[in-house]
Amino acid sequence: MEPLVAAIDQGTSSTRFLVFNAKTAEVLSHHQVEINQSFPKEGWVEEDPREIMQSVYECMERTCEKLCQLNINISNIKAVGVTNQRETTLVWDKETGEPLYNAIVWLDLRTQSTVERLINKAPGRNKNHLKHKTGLPISTYFSAVKLRWLLDNVEEVQQAVLSERAMFGTVDSWIIWCLTGGKYGGVHCTDVSNASRTMLFNIHTMDWDPELCRYFDIPMEILPKVRSSSEIYGWMKSGSLAGVPISGCLGDQSAALVGQMCFEEGQAKNTYGTGCFLLRNTGTKAVMSDHGLLTTVAYKMGKDKPACYALEGSVAIAGAVVRWLKDNMGIVKSSSEIETLAAAAGSSYGCYFVPAFSGLYAPYWEPSARGIICGLTQFTNRNHLAFAALEAVCFQTREILDAMNQDSGVPLTQLQVDGGMTSNRLLMQLQADILCVSVVRPTMAETTALGAAMAAGAAEGVEVWNLSPGHLPHIMSEKYTPQINSDESEFRFARWKKAVQRAMNWETTEPFCSANGLGKKMNGNPWGVPPTPPPIRADP
């Protein structure tokens, strides 16, 4: 039997465990469990860290049972990789092993007033004040402000920090710590791709930055050790896979870049999940964007290997808009139904949907924006709304692709895509039409999990997966080419841009707003605002 490598794919809406053949990249078995999200207040998004871990254990055990039914020996699994929703923030007690609060999800907006105050205090009110070190704008999206909120507003977190029991981590750190023993010697680590999304990590020195930690007033002793994306971090301590090394770790968008084999400078991919994330490999150079994109660490494939960087366009709401139409509005009964409804309409008939539920991410970075549906008439029905929702995903992708083309000066001639929404053929055709370039979708859609498995299998001490160019597996794909003329595409895109402007500057937290509780003081501290931060030097 050829060697197998497994991957834990812990996303915003579900957890999956997949087992791949390390020679062919074929998926032999998998299991998936949905994750509940809670919305305790308007703009708040949380998940239960215990439920996340329970889903990981359940997916692993069910997959191992399925392999046994297929007469595949699980002892052939030589390594496990981890990929995860990025930025989502957890603090737990290293002595009890218990989380001290729910995980604050990347989409969460409770820190909006903190962010506004930090920007107001920055020289020239510049949201890019920290970008020379972090590659990121000051935003509710990243972990530092979420962690600051926990430190200011959750007494259990405060007490644990004082008694040196607190551990901070993104979801990857929590999973690896639990799987490698938890309170009985679990490994507290993260990889460079996840660390680069915290706003506490210097993407040039490749380590936690003391100055950034002082700026946000974060105690450095609670941070995990930063490791490469491909090395043995520790070994599974229990369950069917006890003794198997955990040897790959990548944030989900970095994992998709690897799974799409985008190892060359200039290669790019777009992932359609809860959000939408376009990454372009910039090689060993951290390229700063002039058009609202992020500079992020893509991967570092081994302790002694160089770090590779990417430009990223991040869209908060993609698949989440379908979930909203289903769960909040009852307009569709299942996620798959949206394609049927949209196809029945064939057009939005002038209806435009800007799903700025968590503000607008790239290229605007405008937390005050909110969702808007405009262009409604008495003719508009749910089919047109379904079509407008799919178009919104495509228009948002067009905005970040345009920004990326401007930054690089070399327009992409086709777009490689992956993620759950890419099974929607109408969406893929719409995307090709709105971009005016071909869209290429691999028939094996599990590229995020594949990337984590590749990193794990290639790690020193495992070495069952060869990542050299001549040995990469060939993945079959299908291509969607533009079917409408570019004038029509440009007209629709211009109308979309007009709708985006209507969505701007809707929600502000100053002065205090009683309607939604934003801006209320908790424990005498307005939404976890840190003390006036010390200045950050302008030199990298």
Protein backbone atom coordinates (compact mmCIF):
# COMPACT_ATOMS: atom_id res chain seq x y z
CA MET A 1 0.00 0.00 0.00
CA GLU A 2 1.29 3.47 -0.88
CA PRO A 3 1.75 5.90 2.02
CA LEU A 4 -1.25 7.97 3.12
CA VAL A 5 -1.35 11.45 4.61
CA ALA A 6 -4.33 12.94 6.43
CA ALA A 7 -5.51 16.52 6.89
CA ILE A 8 -7.71 18.23 9.45
CA ASP A 9 -9.56 21.08 7.70
CA GLN A 10 -11.20 23.20 10.41
CA GLY A 11 -13.23 25.89 8.63
CA THR A 12 -15.66 28.57 9.76
CA SER A 13 -18.76 26.50 9.03
CA SER A 14 -17.50 22.91 9.26
CA THR A 15 -14.68 20.56 10.23
CA ARG A 16 -13.43 17.87 7.86
CA PHE A 17 -10.87 15.10 7.99
CA LEU A 18 -9.54 13.74 4.70
CA VAL A 19 -7.07 10.98 3.87
CA PHE A 20 -4.99 11.29 0.68
CA ASN A 21 -2.78 8.93 -1.28
CA ALA A 22 0.62 10.67 -1.08
CA LYS A 23 1.56 9.60 -4.62
CA THR A 24 -1.63 10.45 -6.55
CA ALA A 25 -3.34 13.05 -4.27
CA GLU A 26 -6.52 10.94 -4.49
CA VAL A 27 -8.97 11.29 -1.58
CA LEU A 28 -9.56 7.83 -0.13
CA SER A 29 -12.01 8.75 2.61
CA HIS A 30 -13.34 11.74 4.52
CA HIS A 31 -15.90 12.86 7.09
CA GLN A 32 -17.46 16.26 7.73
CA VAL A 33 -19.24 17.82 10.73
CA GLU A 34 -20.94 21.22 10.68
CA ILE A 35 -19.97 23.82 13.30
CA ASN A 36 -22.53 25.99 15.08
CA GLN A 37 -21.96 29.73 15.14
CA SER A 38 -23.53 31.93 17.81
CA PHE A 39 -24.37 35.61 17.43
CA PRO A 40 -24.81 36.82 21.05
CA LYS A 41 -25.11 40.48 20.01
CA GLU A 42 -25.36 42.33 16.73
CA GLY A 43 -22.03 42.04 14.91
CA TRP A 44 -20.68 39.39 17.31
CA VAL A 45 -19.71 35.95 15.94
CA GLU A 46 -18.51 33.17 18.26
CA GLU A 47 -17.85 29.42 18.20
CA ASP A 48 -17.38 26.97 21.06
CA PRO A 49 -13.75 25.74 21.22
CA ARG A 50 -14.93 22.48 22.85
CA GLU A 51 -17.32 21.85 19.95
CA ILE A 52 -14.49 22.54 17.50
CA MET A 53 -12.30 19.89 19.16
CA GLN A 54 -15.19 17.43 19.48
CA SER A 55 -15.81 17.82 15.73
CA VAL A 56 -12.11 17.15 15.03
CA TYR A 57 -12.15 13.93 17.09
CA GLU A 58 -15.43 12.79 15.53
CA CYS A 59 -14.23 13.42 11.95
CA MET A 60 -10.97 11.55 12.61
CA GLU A 61 -12.63 8.50 14.17
CA ARG A 62 -15.44 8.28 11.57
CA THR A 63 -12.91 8.53 8.72
CA CYS A 64 -10.77 5.79 10.27
CA GLU A 65 -13.89 3.57 10.53
CA LYS A 66 -14.65 4.21 6.84
CA LEU A 67 -11.06 3.29 5.89
CA CYS A 68 -11.38 0.01 7.82
CA GLN A 69 -14.59 -0.76 5.93
CA LEU A 70 -12.62 -0.22 2.70
CA ASN A 71 -9.96 -2.67 3.98
CA ILE A 72 -7.39 0.11 4.12
CA ASN A 73 -4.97 -0.20 7.02
CA ILE A 74 -4.85 3.07 8.98
CA SER A 75 -1.24 2.32 9.94
CA ASN A 76 -0.44 3.55 6.40
CA ILE A 77 -1.28 7.10 7.56
CA LYS A 78 2.22 8.52 8.01
CA ALA A 79 1.39 12.12 9.00
CA VAL A 80 -1.41 14.57 9.74
CA GLY A 81 -1.60 18.19 8.57
CA VAL A 82 -3.76 20.95 10.04
CA THR A 83 -5.43 23.78 8.14
CA ASN A 84 -7.80 26.23 9.74
CA GLN A 85 -9.97 29.33 9.62
CA ARG A 86 -7.48 32.13 10.23
CA GLU A 87 -7.56 35.07 12.73
CA THR A 88 -10.23 33.42 14.92
CA THR A 89 -9.00 34.00 18.48
CA LEU A 90 -8.93 31.72 21.53
CA VAL A 91 -7.55 31.91 25.07
CA TRP A 92 -7.43 28.81 27.27
CA ASP A 93 -6.11 27.67 30.65
CA LYS A 94 -3.00 25.50 30.30
CA GLU A 95 -3.58 23.83 33.70
CA THR A 96 -7.25 22.82 33.27
CA GLY A 97 -7.16 22.58 29.46
CA GLU A 98 -10.43 24.54 29.34
CA PRO A 99 -11.17 27.52 27.07
CA LEU A 100 -11.71 30.74 29.03
CA TYR A 101 -14.20 32.20 26.54
CA ASN A 102 -15.74 31.26 23.20
CA ALA A 103 -13.58 31.60 20.10
CA ILE A 104 -14.08 35.08 18.62
CA VAL A 105 -14.50 34.41 14.89
CA TRP A 106 -12.61 36.39 12.23
CA LEU A 107 -15.87 37.98 11.00
CA ASP A 108 -16.69 39.42 14.44
CA LEU A 109 -17.21 43.21 14.66
CA ARG A 110 -17.22 43.86 18.43
CA THR A 111 -13.83 45.59 18.16
CA GLN A 112 -14.99 48.23 15.65
CA SER A 113 -14.78 51.13 18.12
CA THR A 114 -11.35 49.93 19.30
CA VAL A 115 -10.18 49.97 15.69
CA GLU A 116 -11.64 53.44 15.09
CA ARG A 117 -9.83 54.79 18.15
CA LEU A 118 -6.52 53.18 17.15
CA ILE A 119 -6.81 54.68 13.66
CA ASN A 120 -7.73 58.09 15.11
CA LYS A 121 -4.59 57.97 17.27
CA ALA A 122 -2.35 56.91 14.38
CA PRO A 123 -0.27 59.59 12.61
CA GLY A 124 -2.46 61.11 9.90
CA ARG A 125 -5.28 58.77 11.00
CA ASN A 126 -3.65 56.20 8.74
CA LYS A 127 -5.17 52.70 8.93
CA ASN A 128 -1.92 51.40 7.37
CA HIS A 129 0.18 52.71 10.28
CA LEU A 130 1.45 49.18 11.11
CA LYS A 131 1.56 47.84 7.56
CA HIS A 132 5.36 48.19 7.17
CA LYS A 133 5.77 45.50 9.85
CA THR A 134 2.58 43.43 9.52
CA GLY A 135 1.49 43.79 5.89
CA LEU A 136 -2.01 44.50 7.27
CA PRO A 137 -4.29 47.50 7.87
CA ILE A 138 -5.66 48.10 11.38
CA SER A 139 -8.97 46.21 11.16
CA THR A 140 -11.49 44.20 13.17
CA TYR A 141 -10.44 41.21 11.00
CA PHE A 142 -7.15 40.39 12.71
CA SER A 143 -6.44 38.64 16.02
CA ALA A 144 -4.67 41.37 18.04
CA VAL A 145 -7.78 43.50 18.61
CA LYS A 146 -9.88 40.42 19.46
CA LEU A 147 -7.27 39.32 22.00
CA ARG A 148 -7.18 42.85 23.41
CA TRP A 149 -10.97 42.66 23.90
CA LEU A 150 -10.68 39.34 25.76
CA LEU A 151 -7.95 40.72 28.02
CA ASP A 152 -10.04 43.77 28.86
CA ASN A 153 -13.52 42.29 29.20
CA VAL A 154 -13.29 38.67 30.38
CA GLU A 155 -12.32 38.34 34.03
CA GLU A 156 -11.31 34.67 33.65
CA VAL A 157 -8.79 35.70 30.98
CA GLN A 158 -7.42 38.50 33.16
CA GLN A 159 -6.99 36.15 36.13
CA ALA A 160 -5.34 33.45 34.00
CA VAL A 161 -2.82 35.97 32.64
CA LEU A 162 -1.98 37.19 36.17
CA SER A 163 -1.44 33.63 37.39
CA GLU A 164 0.53 32.67 34.22
CA ARG A 165 -2.01 30.05 33.16
CA ALA A 166 -3.25 31.74 29.95
CA MET A 167 -2.44 30.55 26.44
CA PHE A 168 -3.45 32.45 23.31
CA GLY A 169 -3.78 30.83 19.94
CA THR A 170 -5.57 30.81 16.64
CA VAL A 171 -7.55 27.65 15.83
CA ASP A 172 -4.47 25.75 14.59
CA SER A 173 -2.71 26.29 17.95
CA TRP A 174 -5.73 25.06 19.91
CA ILE A 175 -6.07 21.91 17.76
CA ILE A 176 -2.36 21.03 17.86
CA TRP A 177 -2.13 21.69 21.63
CA CYS A 178 -5.14 19.44 22.31
CA LEU A 179 -4.05 16.63 19.96
CA THR A 180 -0.48 16.53 21.32
CA GLY A 181 -1.57 16.09 24.94
CA GLY A 182 -3.33 19.29 26.03
CA LYS A 183 -2.70 19.99 29.72
CA TYR A 184 -0.43 16.91 29.79
CA GLY A 185 2.41 18.43 27.77
CA GLY A 186 0.60 19.66 24.67
CA VAL A 187 2.71 21.59 22.13
CA HIS A 188 1.85 25.32 22.03
CA CYS A 189 2.80 26.45 18.52
CA THR A 190 1.56 28.07 15.34
CA ASP A 191 2.98 28.39 11.84
CA VAL A 192 4.17 31.51 10.02
CA SER A 193 1.06 31.75 7.80
CA ASN A 194 -1.29 31.89 10.80
CA ALA A 195 1.04 34.11 12.87
CA SER A 196 1.12 36.65 10.02
CA ARG A 197 -2.63 37.24 10.49
CA THR A 198 -2.47 38.38 14.13
CA MET A 199 -1.00 41.93 13.72
CA LEU A 200 1.58 40.91 16.35
CA PHE A 201 3.99 39.23 13.91
CA ASN A 202 6.74 40.98 11.98
CA ILE A 203 6.66 39.50 8.47
CA HIS A 204 10.29 40.57 7.85
CA THR A 205 11.95 39.21 11.01
CA MET A 206 9.52 36.24 10.95
CA ASP A 207 8.82 36.41 14.69
CA TRP A 208 6.57 38.08 17.26
CA ASP A 209 7.40 41.78 17.40
CA PRO A 210 7.93 43.27 20.90
CA GLU A 211 6.99 46.72 19.65
CA LEU A 212 3.70 45.51 18.17
CA CYS A 213 2.93 43.61 21.38
CA ARG A 214 3.53 46.80 23.38
CA TYR A 215 1.31 48.75 20.96
CA PHE A 216 -1.63 46.41 21.65
CA ASP A 217 -0.47 45.80 25.25
CA ILE A 218 -0.31 42.01 24.74
CA PRO A 219 1.85 39.95 27.15
CA MET A 220 4.28 38.01 24.93
CA GLU A 221 4.45 35.02 27.28
CA ILE A 222 0.91 33.92 26.27
CA LEU A 223 1.85 33.65 22.55
CA PRO A 224 2.58 30.30 20.87
CA LYS A 225 6.01 29.44 19.43
CA VAL A 226 6.17 30.24 15.70
CA ARG A 227 7.29 27.30 13.54
CA SER A 228 7.55 26.61 9.81
CA SER A 229 4.54 25.23 7.89
CA SER A 230 6.18 21.83 7.35
CA GLU A 231 7.96 20.13 10.27
CA ILE A 232 7.08 17.66 13.02
CA TYR A 233 5.45 19.67 15.84
CA GLY A 234 4.49 16.67 17.97
CA TRP A 235 2.66 13.35 17.89
CA MET A 236 -1.00 12.38 18.31
CA LYS A 237 -1.53 11.29 21.90
CA SER A 238 -4.84 9.40 21.70
CA GLY A 239 -7.44 7.85 19.42
CA SER A 240 -7.00 5.62 16.38
CA LEU A 241 -4.03 7.66 15.13
CA ALA A 242 -2.03 7.81 18.38
CA GLY A 243 1.68 8.07 17.59
CA VAL A 244 1.22 9.65 14.15
CA PRO A 245 3.20 12.91 13.73
CA ILE A 246 1.44 16.24 13.19
CA SER A 247 3.81 17.77 10.67
CA GLY A 248 1.97 20.34 8.55
CA CYS A 249 0.22 23.56 9.51
CA LEU A 250 -1.15 26.26 7.19
CA GLY A 251 -3.90 28.86 7.42
CA ASP A 252 -6.71 27.78 5.09
CA GLN A 253 -5.94 30.25 2.29
CA SER A 254 -2.23 29.40 2.31
CA ALA A 255 -3.17 25.71 2.24
CA ALA A 256 -5.35 26.29 -0.83
CA LEU A 257 -2.46 28.09 -2.55
CA VAL A 258 -0.25 25.04 -1.89
CA GLY A 259 -3.03 22.60 -2.87
CA GLN A 260 -3.43 24.45 -6.17
CA MET A 261 0.34 23.96 -6.72
CA CYS A 262 0.90 27.74 -6.89
CA PHE A 263 4.59 27.51 -5.97
CA GLU A 264 5.83 29.87 -8.70
CA GLU A 265 5.93 33.64 -8.39
CA GLY A 266 2.88 35.14 -10.12
CA GLN A 267 0.61 32.09 -9.74
CA ALA A 268 -2.72 32.81 -8.06
CA LYS A 269 -5.89 31.13 -6.79
CA ASN A 270 -9.30 32.24 -5.51
CA THR A 271 -11.09 30.24 -2.80
CA TYR A 272 -14.88 30.51 -2.43
CA GLY A 273 -15.77 29.55 1.15
CA THR A 274 -17.54 31.50 3.91
CA GLY A 275 -15.54 34.43 2.52
CA CYS A 276 -13.60 34.77 -0.71
CA PHE A 277 -9.81 34.92 -0.80
CA LEU A 278 -7.60 35.65 -3.79
CA LEU A 279 -3.89 34.98 -3.20
CA ARG A 280 -1.01 35.60 -5.61
CA ASN A 281 2.40 34.13 -4.86
CA THR A 282 5.08 36.88 -4.79
CA GLY A 283 8.00 34.53 -4.03
CA THR A 284 10.50 35.38 -1.32
CA LYS A 285 9.72 39.12 -1.55
CA ALA A 286 7.09 40.79 0.64
CA VAL A 287 5.33 43.06 -1.89
CA MET A 288 3.31 45.92 -0.38
CA SER A 289 0.04 46.80 -2.09
CA ASP A 290 -1.00 50.30 -3.14
CA HIS A 291 -4.56 49.15 -3.85
CA GLY A 292 -5.98 47.76 -0.61
CA LEU A 293 -4.56 44.23 -0.67
CA LEU A 294 -2.81 42.50 2.24
CA THR A 295 0.78 41.28 2.31
CA THR A 296 0.82 37.92 4.01
CA VAL A 297 3.19 35.01 4.62
CA ALA A 298 2.06 32.26 2.25
CA TYR A 299 4.15 29.36 3.62
CA LYS A 300 7.57 28.26 4.79
CA MET A 301 8.09 24.65 3.74
CA GLY A 302 10.61 23.59 6.37
CA LYS A 303 12.78 25.03 9.17
CA ASP A 304 15.64 25.85 6.82
CA LYS A 305 13.55 26.84 3.79
CA PRO A 306 12.84 30.48 2.87
CA ALA A 307 9.46 32.02 3.63
CA CYS A 308 7.29 32.77 0.60
CA TYR A 309 4.85 35.68 0.57
CA ALA A 310 1.56 36.46 -1.13
CA LEU A 311 -0.61 39.43 -1.97
CA GLU A 312 -4.14 38.73 -0.74
CA GLY A 313 -7.54 40.16 -1.51
CA SER A 314 -9.95 39.21 1.28
CA VAL A 315 -13.75 39.33 0.95
CA ALA A 316 -15.70 38.69 4.16
CA ILE A 317 -18.98 37.38 2.75
CA ALA A 318 -19.20 34.86 -0.10
CA GLY A 319 -20.73 31.50 0.85
CA ALA A 320 -22.01 33.20 4.00
CA VAL A 321 -24.51 35.12 1.85
CA VAL A 322 -26.11 31.79 0.83
CA ARG A 323 -26.25 30.71 4.47
CA TRP A 324 -27.92 34.06 5.29
CA LEU A 325 -30.53 33.61 2.54
CA LYS A 326 -31.23 30.11 3.90
CA ASP A 327 -31.04 30.52 7.69
CA ASN A 328 -32.05 34.15 8.22
CA MET A 329 -34.46 34.84 5.36
CA GLY A 330 -35.81 31.39 4.42
CA ILE A 331 -35.45 32.31 0.73
CA VAL A 332 -33.69 29.02 -0.09
CA LYS A 333 -34.15 25.69 1.68
CA SER A 334 -30.64 24.37 0.94
CA SER A 335 -27.38 25.86 -0.28
CA SER A 336 -27.67 23.95 -3.56
CA GLU A 337 -31.11 25.44 -4.31
CA ILE A 338 -29.65 28.89 -4.99
CA GLU A 339 -28.28 27.74 -8.34
CA THR A 340 -31.74 26.53 -9.42
CA LEU A 341 -33.46 29.77 -8.39
CA ALA A 342 -30.81 31.99 -9.98
CA ALA A 343 -30.90 29.97 -13.21
CA ALA A 344 -34.70 30.37 -13.34
CA ALA A 345 -34.27 34.16 -13.26
CA GLY A 346 -31.34 34.28 -15.68
CA SER A 347 -30.59 37.83 -14.54
CA SER A 348 -30.95 40.05 -11.48
CA TYR A 349 -33.00 42.53 -13.58
CA GLY A 350 -31.20 45.54 -12.11
CA CYS A 351 -31.17 44.26 -8.53
CA TYR A 352 -27.78 44.59 -6.76
CA PHE A 353 -26.85 43.01 -3.42
CA VAL A 354 -23.83 44.25 -1.44
CA PRO A 355 -23.48 41.76 1.45
CA ALA A 356 -21.37 44.00 3.72
CA PHE A 357 -22.56 42.16 6.85
CA SER A 358 -19.14 42.60 8.50
CA GLY A 359 -18.25 45.86 6.81
CA LEU A 360 -16.23 45.75 3.59
CA TYR A 361 -12.82 44.08 3.43
CA ALA A 362 -10.49 44.41 0.41
CA PRO A 363 -9.99 46.73 -1.33
CA TYR A 364 -11.96 49.21 0.84
CA TRP A 365 -11.28 48.16 4.47
CA GLU A 366 -14.39 50.04 5.53
CA PRO A 367 -15.84 48.67 8.81
CA SER A 368 -18.72 51.17 8.78
CA ALA A 369 -20.31 49.68 5.62
CA ARG A 370 -23.38 47.46 5.98
CA GLY A 371 -25.35 45.19 3.67
CA ILE A 372 -27.65 46.71 1.06
CA ILE A 373 -30.03 45.43 -1.63
CA CYS A 374 -30.94 48.10 -4.17
CA GLY A 375 -32.61 48.42 -7.56
CA LEU A 376 -35.76 46.65 -6.31
CA THR A 377 -39.03 46.93 -8.24
CA GLN A 378 -42.42 45.20 -7.95
CA PHE A 379 -41.10 42.76 -10.54
CA THR A 380 -38.26 41.58 -8.25
CA ASN A 381 -38.73 38.12 -6.73
CA ARG A 382 -36.60 35.64 -4.78
CA ASN A 383 -35.07 34.25 -7.97
CA HIS A 384 -33.64 37.68 -8.80
CA LEU A 385 -32.30 38.00 -5.23
CA ALA A 386 -30.62 34.60 -5.57
CA PHE A 387 -29.02 35.72 -8.85
CA ALA A 388 -27.93 39.05 -7.28
CA ALA A 389 -26.34 37.16 -4.36
CA LEU A 390 -24.24 35.03 -6.74
CA GLU A 391 -23.33 38.10 -8.78
CA ALA A 392 -22.19 39.82 -5.56
CA VAL A 393 -19.59 37.10 -5.01
CA CYS A 394 -18.35 37.59 -8.58
CA PHE A 395 -18.28 41.39 -8.41
CA GLN A 396 -16.31 41.30 -5.15
CA THR A 397 -13.81 38.94 -6.80
CA ARG A 398 -13.56 41.33 -9.77
CA GLU A 399 -12.69 44.18 -7.39
CA ILE A 400 -9.83 42.28 -5.76
CA LEU A 401 -8.58 40.89 -9.08
CA ASP A 402 -8.47 44.43 -10.52
CA ALA A 403 -6.50 45.59 -7.45
CA MET A 404 -4.09 42.68 -7.83
CA ASN A 405 -3.55 43.37 -11.53
CA GLN A 406 -2.80 47.03 -10.72
CA ASP A 407 -0.32 46.07 -8.00
CA SER A 408 1.52 43.49 -10.09
CA GLY A 409 1.32 45.24 -13.46
CA VAL A 410 0.85 41.78 -15.03
CA PRO A 411 -2.86 40.94 -15.53
CA LEU A 412 -3.93 37.38 -14.76
CA THR A 413 -5.02 35.65 -17.96
CA GLN A 414 -7.02 32.98 -16.12
CA LEU A 415 -8.18 32.38 -12.55
CA GLN A 416 -7.66 29.11 -10.67
CA VAL A 417 -10.53 28.54 -8.24
CA ASP A 418 -11.48 26.18 -5.43
CA GLY A 419 -13.72 25.95 -2.38
CA GLY A 420 -17.25 24.73 -1.67
CA MET A 421 -19.06 27.28 -3.85
CA THR A 422 -17.19 26.24 -7.00
CA SER A 423 -19.54 23.26 -7.41
CA ASN A 424 -22.11 25.89 -8.47
CA ARG A 425 -21.66 25.90 -12.26
CA LEU A 426 -23.78 29.01 -12.77
CA LEU A 427 -21.55 30.90 -10.31
CA MET A 428 -18.42 29.78 -12.18
CA GLN A 429 -19.86 30.91 -15.54
CA LEU A 430 -20.96 34.23 -14.01
CA GLN A 431 -17.44 34.67 -12.63
CA ALA A 432 -15.85 34.15 -16.04
CA ASP A 433 -18.35 36.61 -17.59
CA ILE A 434 -17.75 39.33 -14.98
CA LEU A 435 -13.94 38.95 -14.99
CA CYS A 436 -13.69 38.61 -18.78
CA VAL A 437 -11.08 35.86 -18.23
CA SER A 438 -11.31 32.07 -18.05
CA VAL A 439 -12.00 30.37 -14.73
CA VAL A 440 -10.29 27.00 -14.12
CA ARG A 441 -11.72 24.66 -11.49
CA PRO A 442 -9.99 21.42 -10.42
CA THR A 443 -12.32 18.42 -10.50
CA MET A 444 -10.85 17.46 -7.10
CA ALA A 445 -12.21 20.39 -5.10
CA GLU A 446 -10.48 19.62 -1.77
CA THR A 447 -7.44 21.78 -2.43
CA THR A 448 -7.30 23.33 1.06
CA ALA A 449 -7.04 19.96 2.79
CA LEU A 450 -4.67 18.76 0.04
CA GLY A 451 -2.30 21.66 0.78
CA ALA A 452 -2.14 20.76 4.48
CA ALA A 453 -1.54 17.10 3.60
CA MET A 454 1.25 18.04 1.18
CA ALA A 455 2.98 20.15 3.87
CA ALA A 456 2.68 17.29 6.39
CA GLY A 457 3.86 14.60 3.99
CA ALA A 458 6.86 16.63 2.82
CA ALA A 459 8.13 17.40 6.35
CA GLU A 460 11.62 16.32 7.40
CA GLY A 461 11.31 13.00 9.19
CA VAL A 462 8.16 12.07 7.24
CA GLU A 463 9.15 12.62 3.59
CA VAL A 464 6.45 10.63 1.85
CA TRP A 465 5.35 13.55 -0.38
CA ASN A 466 7.73 15.08 -2.93
CA LEU A 467 7.01 18.75 -3.65
CA SER A 468 9.67 19.21 -6.36
CA PRO A 469 8.10 20.42 -9.65
CA GLY A 470 8.55 17.15 -11.56
CA HIS A 471 6.80 15.13 -8.85
CA LEU A 472 3.67 17.18 -8.25
CA PRO A 473 0.47 15.22 -8.97
CA HIS A 474 -1.51 16.20 -12.06
CA ILE A 475 -5.02 17.32 -11.07
CA MET A 476 -7.75 17.30 -13.75
CA SER A 477 -9.72 20.53 -14.20
CA GLU A 478 -12.59 22.12 -16.13
CA LYS A 479 -12.54 25.57 -17.73
CA TYR A 480 -15.27 28.23 -17.95
CA THR A 481 -14.77 30.89 -20.64
CA PRO A 482 -16.54 34.29 -20.86
CA GLN A 483 -19.85 34.09 -22.76
CA ILE A 484 -20.92 37.77 -22.78
CA ASN A 485 -19.28 40.79 -24.38
CA SER A 486 -17.04 42.96 -22.25
CA ASP A 487 -19.28 46.06 -22.63
CA GLU A 488 -22.16 44.32 -20.83
CA SER A 489 -19.77 43.07 -18.16
CA GLU A 490 -18.38 46.60 -17.61
CA PHE A 491 -21.87 48.10 -17.40
CA ARG A 492 -22.95 45.61 -14.70
CA PHE A 493 -19.72 46.13 -12.77
CA ALA A 494 -20.15 49.93 -12.85
CA ARG A 495 -23.66 49.56 -11.39
CA TRP A 496 -22.22 47.30 -8.67
CA LYS A 497 -19.61 49.96 -7.76
CA LYS A 498 -22.47 52.47 -7.44
CA ALA A 499 -24.28 50.13 -5.03
CA VAL A 500 -21.09 49.72 -2.97
CA GLN A 501 -20.92 53.49 -2.46
CA ARG A 502 -24.50 53.39 -1.14
CA ALA A 503 -23.44 50.83 1.48
CA MET A 504 -20.58 52.96 2.86
CA ASN A 505 -20.49 54.93 6.16
CA TRP A 506 -23.66 53.37 7.49
CA GLU A 507 -22.69 52.27 11.01
CA THR A 508 -20.46 54.34 13.25
CA THR A 509 -19.70 53.86 16.93
CA GLU A 510 -19.02 57.49 17.78
CA PRO A 511 -20.91 59.13 19.38
CA PHE A 512 -22.26 56.29 21.50
CA CYS A 513 -25.06 54.53 19.71
CA SER A 514 -27.79 53.07 21.91
CA ALA A 515 -29.60 51.23 19.11
CA ASN A 516 -27.24 48.28 19.06
CA GLY A 517 -25.20 48.67 22.21
CA LEU A 518 -22.00 49.41 20.31
CA GLY A 519 -19.94 51.88 22.27
CA LYS A 520 -21.33 50.91 25.67
CA LYS A 521 -18.70 50.75 28.34
CA MET A 522 -17.84 47.43 29.95
CA ASN A 523 -15.89 47.41 33.19
CA GLY A 524 -15.20 51.09 32.63
CA ASN A 525 -13.34 50.24 29.45
CA PRO A 526 -14.96 51.08 26.08
CA TRP A 527 -14.89 47.83 24.13
CA GLY A 528 -11.45 46.72 25.08
CA VAL A 529 -9.62 49.88 24.08
CA PRO A 530 -5.99 49.47 25.13
CA PRO A 531 -4.13 52.31 26.80
CA THR A 532 -2.75 54.94 24.42
CA PRO A 533 -0.32 52.83 22.41
CA PRO A 534 3.36 53.71 22.30
CA PRO A 535 4.54 54.98 18.91
CA ILE A 536 5.70 52.56 16.23
CA ARG A 537 8.83 53.55 14.35
CA ALA A 538 8.35 53.96 10.61
CA ASP A 539 11.38 51.83 9.68
CA PRO A 540 10.69 48.11 8.98
